[in-house]
Amino acid sequence: MESVIKNVNHLKRLLTKDELNKINAAAALFASHAQVFFKIEEVDKRKITVSVRQHQTSDNQYFTSEQLTKRCSDLFKKFFPYYFIEVKAFSDNHLMAD
């Protein structure tokens, strides 16, 4: 299964194969339902930096940057409860409300 999380290889040493499949499946739901995509930017001893981007949606329904940040943080915290999850949120919607 190809990952919808860019740079997922940074997580391979931290998760089992089953956990990788589960986080990929969750990310795939975000991608298919809301055009939300994740990219692992950096992993260090106790922090994972993830960028999250929402591309243009067919129904023009967009998350705010706060909503994107929370959803990303919630997803990764399930798998990395002892890590600080730093989130960088972006949207293709230039009128995104904060």
PDB file of N, CA and C in Angstrom:
ATOM      1  N   MET A   1       0.847  -1.186   0.000  1.00  0.00           N
ATOM      2  CA  MET A   1       0.000   0.000   0.000  1.00  0.00           C
ATOM      3  C   MET A   1       0.888   1.244   0.000  1.00  0.00           C
ATOM      4  N   GLU A   2       0.701   2.077  -0.983  1.00  0.00           N
ATOM      5  CA  GLU A   2       1.455   3.313  -1.048  1.00  0.00           C
ATOM      6  C   GLU A   2       0.842   4.323  -0.083  1.00  0.00           C
ATOM      7  N   SER A   3       1.682   5.048   0.605  1.00  0.00           N
ATOM      8  CA  SER A   3       1.213   5.985   1.617  1.00  0.00           C
ATOM      9  C   SER A   3       0.743   7.295   0.998  1.00  0.00           C
ATOM     10  N   VAL A   4      -0.296   7.861   1.592  1.00  0.00           N
ATOM     11  CA  VAL A   4      -0.725   9.205   1.210  1.00  0.00           C
ATOM     12  C   VAL A   4      -0.020  10.248   2.081  1.00  0.00           C
ATOM     13  N   ILE A   5       0.764   9.776   3.044  1.00  0.00           N
ATOM     14  CA  ILE A   5       1.566  10.668   3.886  1.00  0.00           C
ATOM     15  C   ILE A   5       2.949  10.784   3.247  1.00  0.00           C
ATOM     16  N   LYS A   6       3.297  11.980   2.834  1.00  0.00           N
ATOM     17  CA  LYS A   6       4.626  12.179   2.240  1.00  0.00           C
ATOM     18  C   LYS A   6       5.690  12.031   3.320  1.00  0.00           C
ATOM     19  N   ASN A   7       6.806  11.451   2.935  1.00  0.00           N
ATOM     20  CA  ASN A   7       7.938  11.224   3.834  1.00  0.00           C
ATOM     21  C   ASN A   7       7.596  10.293   4.994  1.00  0.00           C
ATOM     22  N   VAL A   8       6.652   9.386   4.770  1.00  0.00           N
ATOM     23  CA  VAL A   8       6.253   8.452   5.827  1.00  0.00           C
ATOM     24  C   VAL A   8       7.425   7.585   6.271  1.00  0.00           C
ATOM     25  N   ASN A   9       8.442   7.471   5.429  1.00  0.00           N
ATOM     26  CA  ASN A   9       9.619   6.679   5.785  1.00  0.00           C
ATOM     27  C   ASN A   9      10.274   7.175   7.074  1.00  0.00           C
ATOM     28  N   HIS A  10      10.064   8.451   7.427  1.00  0.00           N
ATOM     29  CA  HIS A  10      10.607   8.990   8.682  1.00  0.00           C
ATOM     30  C   HIS A  10       9.965   8.337   9.901  1.00  0.00           C
ATOM     31  N   LEU A  11       8.792   7.733   9.719  1.00  0.00           N
ATOM     32  CA  LEU A  11       8.068   7.124  10.837  1.00  0.00           C
ATOM     33  C   LEU A  11       8.298   5.617  10.949  1.00  0.00           C
ATOM     34  N   LYS A  12       8.913   5.026   9.948  1.00  0.00           N
ATOM     35  CA  LYS A  12       9.040   3.564   9.894  1.00  0.00           C
ATOM     36  C   LYS A  12       9.794   2.979  11.072  1.00  0.00           C
ATOM     37  N   ARG A  13      10.742   3.688  11.607  1.00  0.00           N
ATOM     38  CA  ARG A  13      11.497   3.156  12.739  1.00  0.00           C
ATOM     39  C   ARG A  13      10.743   3.319  14.067  1.00  0.00           C
ATOM     40  N   LEU A  14       9.659   4.093  14.053  1.00  0.00           N
ATOM     41  CA  LEU A  14       8.907   4.369  15.279  1.00  0.00           C
ATOM     42  C   LEU A  14       7.613   3.568  15.391  1.00  0.00           C
ATOM     43  N   LEU A  15       7.130   3.023  14.273  1.00  0.00           N
ATOM     44  CA  LEU A  15       5.842   2.326  14.261  1.00  0.00           C
ATOM     45  C   LEU A  15       5.997   0.917  13.707  1.00  0.00           C
ATOM     46  N   THR A  16       5.104   0.038  14.153  1.00  0.00           N
ATOM     47  CA  THR A  16       5.057  -1.295  13.574  1.00  0.00           C
ATOM     48  C   THR A  16       4.411  -1.204  12.196  1.00  0.00           C
ATOM     49  N   LYS A  17       4.508  -2.267  11.433  1.00  0.00           N
ATOM     50  CA  LYS A  17       3.886  -2.289  10.106  1.00  0.00           C
ATOM     51  C   LYS A  17       2.372  -2.099  10.224  1.00  0.00           C
ATOM     52  N   ASP A  18       1.767  -2.722  11.228  1.00  0.00           N
ATOM     53  CA  ASP A  18       0.322  -2.580  11.448  1.00  0.00           C
ATOM     54  C   ASP A  18      -0.049  -1.134  11.783  1.00  0.00           C
ATOM     55  N   GLU A  19       0.750  -0.490  12.626  1.00  0.00           N
ATOM     56  CA  GLU A  19       0.492   0.918  12.973  1.00  0.00           C
ATOM     57  C   GLU A  19       0.665   1.819  11.752  1.00  0.00           C
ATOM     58  N   LEU A  20       1.668   1.542  10.933  1.00  0.00           N
ATOM     59  CA  LEU A  20       1.853   2.312   9.694  1.00  0.00           C
ATOM     60  C   LEU A  20       0.635   2.165   8.784  1.00  0.00           C
ATOM     61  N   ASN A  21       0.120   0.956   8.678  1.00  0.00           N
ATOM     62  CA  ASN A  21      -1.080   0.736   7.865  1.00  0.00           C
ATOM     63  C   ASN A  21      -2.268   1.508   8.419  1.00  0.00           C
ATOM     64  N   LYS A  22      -2.394   1.545   9.737  1.00  0.00           N
ATOM     65  CA  LYS A  22      -3.527   2.256  10.366  1.00  0.00           C
ATOM     66  C   LYS A  22      -3.430   3.765  10.181  1.00  0.00           C
ATOM     67  N   ILE A  23      -2.243   4.332  10.353  1.00  0.00           N
ATOM     68  CA  ILE A  23      -2.110   5.784  10.180  1.00  0.00           C
ATOM     69  C   ILE A  23      -2.292   6.155   8.710  1.00  0.00           C
ATOM     70  N   ASN A  24      -1.825   5.292   7.819  1.00  0.00           N
ATOM     71  CA  ASN A  24      -2.038   5.527   6.386  1.00  0.00           C
ATOM     72  C   ASN A  24      -3.513   5.451   6.020  1.00  0.00           C
ATOM     73  N   ALA A  25      -4.231   4.496   6.595  1.00  0.00           N
ATOM     74  CA  ALA A  25      -5.666   4.368   6.320  1.00  0.00           C
ATOM     75  C   ALA A  25      -6.420   5.602   6.815  1.00  0.00           C
ATOM     76  N   ALA A  26      -6.065   6.098   7.986  1.00  0.00           N
ATOM     77  CA  ALA A  26      -6.709   7.302   8.518  1.00  0.00           C
ATOM     78  C   ALA A  26      -6.402   8.510   7.638  1.00  0.00           C
ATOM     79  N   ALA A  27      -5.159   8.630   7.223  1.00  0.00           N
ATOM     80  CA  ALA A  27      -4.772   9.746   6.349  1.00  0.00           C
ATOM     81  C   ALA A  27      -5.481   9.646   5.004  1.00  0.00           C
ATOM     82  N   ALA A  28      -5.658   8.432   4.506  1.00  0.00           N
ATOM     83  CA  ALA A  28      -6.357   8.238   3.230  1.00  0.00           C
ATOM     84  C   ALA A  28      -7.808   8.698   3.322  1.00  0.00           C
ATOM     85  N   LEU A  29      -8.440   8.512   4.476  1.00  0.00           N
ATOM     86  CA  LEU A  29      -9.817   9.006   4.658  1.00  0.00           C
ATOM     87  C   LEU A  29      -9.858  10.531   4.577  1.00  0.00           C
ATOM     88  N   PHE A  30      -8.904  11.183   5.227  1.00  0.00           N
ATOM     89  CA  PHE A  30      -8.827  12.648   5.135  1.00  0.00           C
ATOM     90  C   PHE A  30      -8.638  13.081   3.689  1.00  0.00           C
ATOM     91  N   ALA A  31      -7.777  12.380   2.976  1.00  0.00           N
ATOM     92  CA  ALA A  31      -7.503  12.735   1.580  1.00  0.00           C
ATOM     93  C   ALA A  31      -8.738  12.569   0.713  1.00  0.00           C
ATOM     94  N   SER A  32      -9.442  11.467   0.878  1.00  0.00           N
ATOM     95  CA  SER A  32     -10.580  11.201  -0.001  1.00  0.00           C
ATOM     96  C   SER A  32     -11.819  12.029   0.348  1.00  0.00           C
ATOM     97  N   HIS A  33     -12.015  12.319   1.623  1.00  0.00           N
ATOM     98  CA  HIS A  33     -13.224  13.040   2.027  1.00  0.00           C
ATOM     99  C   HIS A  33     -13.077  14.561   2.052  1.00  0.00           C
ATOM    100  N   ALA A  34     -11.870  15.043   2.337  1.00  0.00           N
ATOM    101  CA  ALA A  34     -11.711  16.495   2.517  1.00  0.00           C
ATOM    102  C   ALA A  34     -10.501  17.065   1.799  1.00  0.00           C
ATOM    103  N   GLN A  35      -9.832  16.268   0.959  1.00  0.00           N
ATOM    104  CA  GLN A  35      -8.655  16.744   0.225  1.00  0.00           C
ATOM    105  C   GLN A  35      -7.567  17.271   1.170  1.00  0.00           C
ATOM    106  N   VAL A  36      -7.405  16.575   2.307  1.00  0.00           N
ATOM    107  CA  VAL A  36      -6.404  16.942   3.303  1.00  0.00           C
ATOM    108  C   VAL A  36      -5.238  15.961   3.191  1.00  0.00           C
ATOM    109  N   PHE A  37      -4.022  16.510   3.096  1.00  0.00           N
ATOM    110  CA  PHE A  37      -2.826  15.700   2.902  1.00  0.00           C
ATOM    111  C   PHE A  37      -1.762  16.083   3.932  1.00  0.00           C
ATOM    112  N   PHE A  38      -0.975  15.101   4.334  1.00  0.00           N
ATOM    113  CA  PHE A  38       0.028  15.275   5.380  1.00  0.00           C
ATOM    114  C   PHE A  38       1.420  15.027   4.826  1.00  0.00           C
ATOM    115  N   LYS A  39       2.397  15.737   5.410  1.00  0.00           N
ATOM    116  CA  LYS A  39       3.802  15.531   5.050  1.00  0.00           C
ATOM    117  C   LYS A  39       4.639  15.594   6.324  1.00  0.00           C
ATOM    118  N   ILE A  40       5.429  14.557   6.549  1.00  0.00           N
ATOM    119  CA  ILE A  40       6.332  14.555   7.696  1.00  0.00           C
ATOM    120  C   ILE A  40       7.537  15.419   7.332  1.00  0.00           C
ATOM    121  N   GLU A  41       7.718  16.487   8.070  1.00  0.00           N
ATOM    122  CA  GLU A  41       8.814  17.417   7.797  1.00  0.00           C
ATOM    123  C   GLU A  41      10.078  17.040   8.559  1.00  0.00           C
ATOM    124  N   GLU A  42       9.890  16.638   9.824  1.00  0.00           N
ATOM    125  CA  GLU A  42      11.052  16.346  10.663  1.00  0.00           C
ATOM    126  C   GLU A  42      10.629  15.476  11.841  1.00  0.00           C
ATOM    127  N   VAL A  43      11.522  14.595  12.239  1.00  0.00           N
ATOM    128  CA  VAL A  43      11.316  13.775  13.434  1.00  0.00           C
ATOM    129  C   VAL A  43      12.589  13.864  14.258  1.00  0.00           C
ATOM    130  N   ASP A  44      12.438  14.251  15.528  1.00  0.00           N
ATOM    131  CA  ASP A  44      13.595  14.180  16.414  1.00  0.00           C
ATOM    132  C   ASP A  44      13.197  13.445  17.690  1.00  0.00           C
ATOM    133  N   LYS A  45      13.970  13.565  18.733  1.00  0.00           N
ATOM    134  CA  LYS A  45      13.780  12.713  19.915  1.00  0.00           C
ATOM    135  C   LYS A  45      12.372  12.756  20.502  1.00  0.00           C
ATOM    136  N   ARG A  46      11.782  13.899  20.567  1.00  0.00           N
ATOM    137  CA  ARG A  46      10.454  14.016  21.181  1.00  0.00           C
ATOM    138  C   ARG A  46       9.506  14.934  20.421  1.00  0.00           C
ATOM    139  N   LYS A  47       9.825  15.238  19.164  1.00  0.00           N
ATOM    140  CA  LYS A  47       8.965  16.130  18.382  1.00  0.00           C
ATOM    141  C   LYS A  47       8.864  15.626  16.954  1.00  0.00           C
ATOM    142  N   ILE A  48       7.641  15.677  16.451  1.00  0.00           N
ATOM    143  CA  ILE A  48       7.386  15.362  15.050  1.00  0.00           C
ATOM    144  C   ILE A  48       6.754  16.594  14.431  1.00  0.00           C
ATOM    145  N   THR A  49       7.355  17.084  13.351  1.00  0.00           N
ATOM    146  CA  THR A  49       6.813  18.244  12.641  1.00  0.00           C
ATOM    147  C   THR A  49       6.102  17.743  11.399  1.00  0.00           C
ATOM    148  N   VAL A  50       4.825  18.125  11.292  1.00  0.00           N
ATOM    149  CA  VAL A  50       3.981  17.675  10.196  1.00  0.00           C
ATOM    150  C   VAL A  50       3.358  18.886   9.531  1.00  0.00           C
ATOM    151  N   SER A  51       3.425  18.937   8.206  1.00  0.00           N
ATOM    152  CA  SER A  51       2.651  19.958   7.501  1.00  0.00           C
ATOM    153  C   SER A  51       1.373  19.296   7.010  1.00  0.00           C
ATOM    154  N   VAL A  52       0.299  20.056   7.073  1.00  0.00           N
ATOM    155  CA  VAL A  52      -0.998  19.567   6.616  1.00  0.00           C
ATOM    156  C   VAL A  52      -1.561  20.591   5.651  1.00  0.00           C
ATOM    157  N   ARG A  53      -2.057  20.112   4.540  1.00  0.00           N
ATOM    158  CA  ARG A  53      -2.564  21.009   3.497  1.00  0.00           C
ATOM    159  C   ARG A  53      -3.917  20.501   3.028  1.00  0.00           C
ATOM    160  N   GLN A  54      -4.840  21.438   2.871  1.00  0.00           N
ATOM    161  CA  GLN A  54      -6.127  21.100   2.272  1.00  0.00           C
ATOM    162  C   GLN A  54      -6.176  21.708   0.882  1.00  0.00           C
ATOM    163  N   HIS A  55      -6.308  20.835  -0.106  1.00  0.00           N
ATOM    164  CA  HIS A  55      -6.416  21.280  -1.489  1.00  0.00           C
ATOM    165  C   HIS A  55      -7.855  21.695  -1.784  1.00  0.00           C
ATOM    166  N   GLN A  56      -8.052  22.260  -2.935  1.00  0.00           N
ATOM    167  CA  GLN A  56      -9.376  22.720  -3.335  1.00  0.00           C
ATOM    168  C   GLN A  56     -10.361  21.557  -3.313  1.00  0.00           C
ATOM    169  N   THR A  57     -11.530  21.823  -2.757  1.00  0.00           N
ATOM    170  CA  THR A  57     -12.572  20.803  -2.686  1.00  0.00           C
ATOM    171  C   THR A  57     -13.663  21.112  -3.692  1.00  0.00           C
ATOM    172  N   SER A  58     -14.363  20.086  -4.127  1.00  0.00           N
ATOM    173  CA  SER A  58     -15.413  20.274  -5.131  1.00  0.00           C
ATOM    174  C   SER A  58     -16.589  21.077  -4.581  1.00  0.00           C
ATOM    175  N   ASP A  59     -16.823  20.995  -3.259  1.00  0.00           N
ATOM    176  CA  ASP A  59     -17.955  21.719  -2.679  1.00  0.00           C
ATOM    177  C   ASP A  59     -17.545  23.013  -1.976  1.00  0.00           C
ATOM    178  N   ASN A  60     -16.269  23.397  -2.124  1.00  0.00           N
ATOM    179  CA  ASN A  60     -15.744  24.621  -1.514  1.00  0.00           C
ATOM    180  C   ASN A  60     -15.941  24.682   0.002  1.00  0.00           C
ATOM    181  N   GLN A  61     -15.897  23.529   0.644  1.00  0.00           N
ATOM    182  CA  GLN A  61     -15.963  23.453   2.103  1.00  0.00           C
ATOM    183  C   GLN A  61     -14.534  23.285   2.620  1.00  0.00           C
ATOM    184  N   TYR A  62     -14.078  24.233   3.421  1.00  0.00           N
ATOM    185  CA  TYR A  62     -12.697  24.222   3.890  1.00  0.00           C
ATOM    186  C   TYR A  62     -12.641  24.256   5.409  1.00  0.00           C
ATOM    187  N   PHE A  63     -11.620  23.602   5.948  1.00  0.00           N
ATOM    188  CA  PHE A  63     -11.328  23.716   7.369  1.00  0.00           C
ATOM    189  C   PHE A  63     -10.582  25.020   7.599  1.00  0.00           C
ATOM    190  N   THR A  64     -10.739  25.599   8.772  1.00  0.00           N
ATOM    191  CA  THR A  64      -9.903  26.731   9.163  1.00  0.00           C
ATOM    192  C   THR A  64      -8.519  26.181   9.502  1.00  0.00           C
ATOM    193  N   SER A  65      -7.537  27.038   9.638  1.00  0.00           N
ATOM    194  CA  SER A  65      -6.202  26.559  10.012  1.00  0.00           C
ATOM    195  C   SER A  65      -6.233  25.908  11.394  1.00  0.00           C
ATOM    196  N   GLU A  66      -7.075  26.421  12.283  1.00  0.00           N
ATOM    197  CA  GLU A  66      -7.219  25.809  13.610  1.00  0.00           C
ATOM    198  C   GLU A  66      -7.794  24.398  13.500  1.00  0.00           C
ATOM    199  N   GLN A  67      -8.786  24.219  12.643  1.00  0.00           N
ATOM    200  CA  GLN A  67      -9.382  22.899  12.454  1.00  0.00           C
ATOM    201  C   GLN A  67      -8.381  21.922  11.830  1.00  0.00           C
ATOM    202  N   LEU A  68      -7.625  22.381  10.832  1.00  0.00           N
ATOM    203  CA  LEU A  68      -6.603  21.532  10.222  1.00  0.00           C
ATOM    204  C   LEU A  68      -5.549  21.130  11.256  1.00  0.00           C
ATOM    205  N   THR A  69      -5.122  22.092  12.046  1.00  0.00           N
ATOM    206  CA  THR A  69      -4.117  21.830  13.074  1.00  0.00           C
ATOM    207  C   THR A  69      -4.620  20.808  14.079  1.00  0.00           C
ATOM    208  N   LYS A  70      -5.851  20.971  14.538  1.00  0.00           N
ATOM    209  CA  LYS A  70      -6.415  20.045  15.526  1.00  0.00           C
ATOM    210  C   LYS A  70      -6.565  18.646  14.954  1.00  0.00           C
ATOM    211  N   ARG A  71      -7.080  18.520  13.759  1.00  0.00           N
ATOM    212  CA  ARG A  71      -7.259  17.200  13.148  1.00  0.00           C
ATOM    213  C   ARG A  71      -5.920  16.488  12.938  1.00  0.00           C
ATOM    214  N   CYS A  72      -4.936  17.238  12.498  1.00  0.00           N
ATOM    215  CA  CYS A  72      -3.606  16.675  12.301  1.00  0.00           C
ATOM    216  C   CYS A  72      -3.009  16.238  13.643  1.00  0.00           C
ATOM    217  N   SER A  73      -3.067  17.105  14.607  1.00  0.00           N
ATOM    218  CA  SER A  73      -2.528  16.795  15.930  1.00  0.00           C
ATOM    219  C   SER A  73      -3.232  15.586  16.536  1.00  0.00           C
ATOM    220  N   ASP A  74      -4.549  15.543  16.451  1.00  0.00           N
ATOM    221  CA  ASP A  74      -5.314  14.412  16.999  1.00  0.00           C
ATOM    222  C   ASP A  74      -4.927  13.100  16.331  1.00  0.00           C
ATOM    223  N   LEU A  75      -4.777  13.119  15.019  1.00  0.00           N
ATOM    224  CA  LEU A  75      -4.407  11.908  14.293  1.00  0.00           C
ATOM    225  C   LEU A  75      -3.040  11.402  14.733  1.00  0.00           C
ATOM    226  N   PHE A  76      -2.046  12.267  14.746  1.00  0.00           N
ATOM    227  CA  PHE A  76      -0.692  11.821  15.061  1.00  0.00           C
ATOM    228  C   PHE A  76      -0.502  11.522  16.544  1.00  0.00           C
ATOM    229  N   LYS A  77      -1.243  12.199  17.421  1.00  0.00           N
ATOM    230  CA  LYS A  77      -1.158  11.929  18.860  1.00  0.00           C
ATOM    231  C   LYS A  77      -1.631  10.512  19.188  1.00  0.00           C
ATOM    232  N   LYS A  78      -2.560   9.973  18.394  1.00  0.00           N
ATOM    233  CA  LYS A  78      -3.025   8.594  18.623  1.00  0.00           C
ATOM    234  C   LYS A  78      -1.873   7.605  18.497  1.00  0.00           C
ATOM    235  N   PHE A  79      -0.952   7.880  17.623  1.00  0.00           N
ATOM    236  CA  PHE A  79       0.162   6.977  17.364  1.00  0.00           C
ATOM    237  C   PHE A  79       1.452   7.387  18.094  1.00  0.00           C
ATOM    238  N   PHE A  80       1.527   8.655  18.480  1.00  0.00           N
ATOM    239  CA  PHE A  80       2.729   9.179  19.139  1.00  0.00           C
ATOM    240  C   PHE A  80       2.340   9.985  20.380  1.00  0.00           C
ATOM    241  N   PRO A  81       1.780   9.308  21.396  1.00  0.00           N
ATOM    242  CA  PRO A  81       1.275  10.044  22.565  1.00  0.00           C
ATOM    243  C   PRO A  81       2.364  10.754  23.378  1.00  0.00           C
ATOM    244  N   TYR A  82       3.600  10.326  23.248  1.00  0.00           N
ATOM    245  CA  TYR A  82       4.680  10.920  24.039  1.00  0.00           C
ATOM    246  C   TYR A  82       5.522  11.923  23.253  1.00  0.00           C
ATOM    247  N   TYR A  83       5.066  12.241  22.065  1.00  0.00           N
ATOM    248  CA  TYR A  83       5.767  13.217  21.227  1.00  0.00           C
ATOM    249  C   TYR A  83       4.985  14.517  21.182  1.00  0.00           C
ATOM    250  N   PHE A  84       5.712  15.615  21.049  1.00  0.00           N
ATOM    251  CA  PHE A  84       5.079  16.894  20.743  1.00  0.00           C
ATOM    252  C   PHE A  84       4.860  16.898  19.233  1.00  0.00           C
ATOM    253  N   ILE A  85       3.643  17.177  18.819  1.00  0.00           N
ATOM    254  CA  ILE A  85       3.321  17.229  17.394  1.00  0.00           C
ATOM    255  C   ILE A  85       3.245  18.696  16.990  1.00  0.00           C
ATOM    256  N   GLU A  86       4.218  19.138  16.211  1.00  0.00           N
ATOM    257  CA  GLU A  86       4.220  20.505  15.690  1.00  0.00           C
ATOM    258  C   GLU A  86       3.535  20.466  14.322  1.00  0.00           C
ATOM    259  N   VAL A  87       2.522  21.289  14.155  1.00  0.00           N
ATOM    260  CA  VAL A  87       1.732  21.267  12.927  1.00  0.00           C
ATOM    261  C   VAL A  87       1.877  22.596  12.195  1.00  0.00           C
ATOM    262  N   LYS A  88       2.107  22.489  10.896  1.00  0.00           N
ATOM    263  CA  LYS A  88       2.127  23.657  10.011  1.00  0.00           C
ATOM    264  C   LYS A  88       0.972  23.472   9.038  1.00  0.00           C
ATOM    265  N   ALA A  89      -0.064  24.292   9.165  1.00  0.00           N
ATOM    266  CA  ALA A  89      -1.281  24.132   8.366  1.00  0.00           C
ATOM    267  C   ALA A  89      -1.319  25.098   7.193  1.00  0.00           C
ATOM    268  N   PHE A  90      -1.709  24.560   6.031  1.00  0.00           N
ATOM    269  CA  PHE A  90      -1.836  25.341   4.800  1.00  0.00           C
ATOM    270  C   PHE A  90      -3.132  24.953   4.093  1.00  0.00           C
ATOM    271  N   SER A  91      -3.666  25.865   3.328  1.00  0.00           N
ATOM    272  CA  SER A  91      -4.857  25.570   2.553  1.00  0.00           C
ATOM    273  C   SER A  91      -4.767  26.229   1.191  1.00  0.00           C
ATOM    274  N   ASP A  92      -5.324  25.569   0.185  1.00  0.00           N
ATOM    275  CA  ASP A  92      -5.390  26.164  -1.143  1.00  0.00           C
ATOM    276  C   ASP A  92      -6.475  27.228  -1.221  1.00  0.00           C
ATOM    277  N   ASN A  93      -7.315  27.315  -0.201  1.00  0.00           N
ATOM    278  CA  ASN A  93      -8.353  28.331  -0.145  1.00  0.00           C
ATOM    279  C   ASN A  93      -7.729  29.614   0.375  1.00  0.00           C
ATOM    280  N   HIS A  94      -7.543  30.588  -0.466  1.00  0.00           N
ATOM    281  CA  HIS A  94      -6.878  31.825  -0.075  1.00  0.00           C
ATOM    282  C   HIS A  94      -7.736  32.686   0.851  1.00  0.00           C
ATOM    283  N   LEU A  95      -9.003  32.356   0.993  1.00  0.00           N
ATOM    284  CA  LEU A  95      -9.888  33.119   1.869  1.00  0.00           C
ATOM    285  C   LEU A  95     -10.140  32.374   3.168  1.00  0.00           C
ATOM    286  N   MET A  96      -9.299  31.390   3.492  1.00  0.00           N
ATOM    287  CA  MET A  96      -9.497  30.581   4.684  1.00  0.00           C
ATOM    288  C   MET A  96      -9.531  31.449   5.922  1.00  0.00           C
ATOM    289  N   ALA A  97     -10.567  31.282   6.721  1.00  0.00           N
ATOM    290  CA  ALA A  97     -10.710  32.065   7.961  1.00  0.00           C
ATOM    291  C   ALA A  97      -9.888  31.440   9.059  1.00  0.00           C
ATOM    292  N   ASP A  98      -9.328  32.280   9.911  1.00  0.00           N
ATOM    293  CA  ASP A  98      -8.580  31.767  11.069  1.00  0.00           C
ATOM    294  C   ASP A  98      -9.404  31.975  12.283  1.00  0.00           C
TER     295      ASP A  98
END
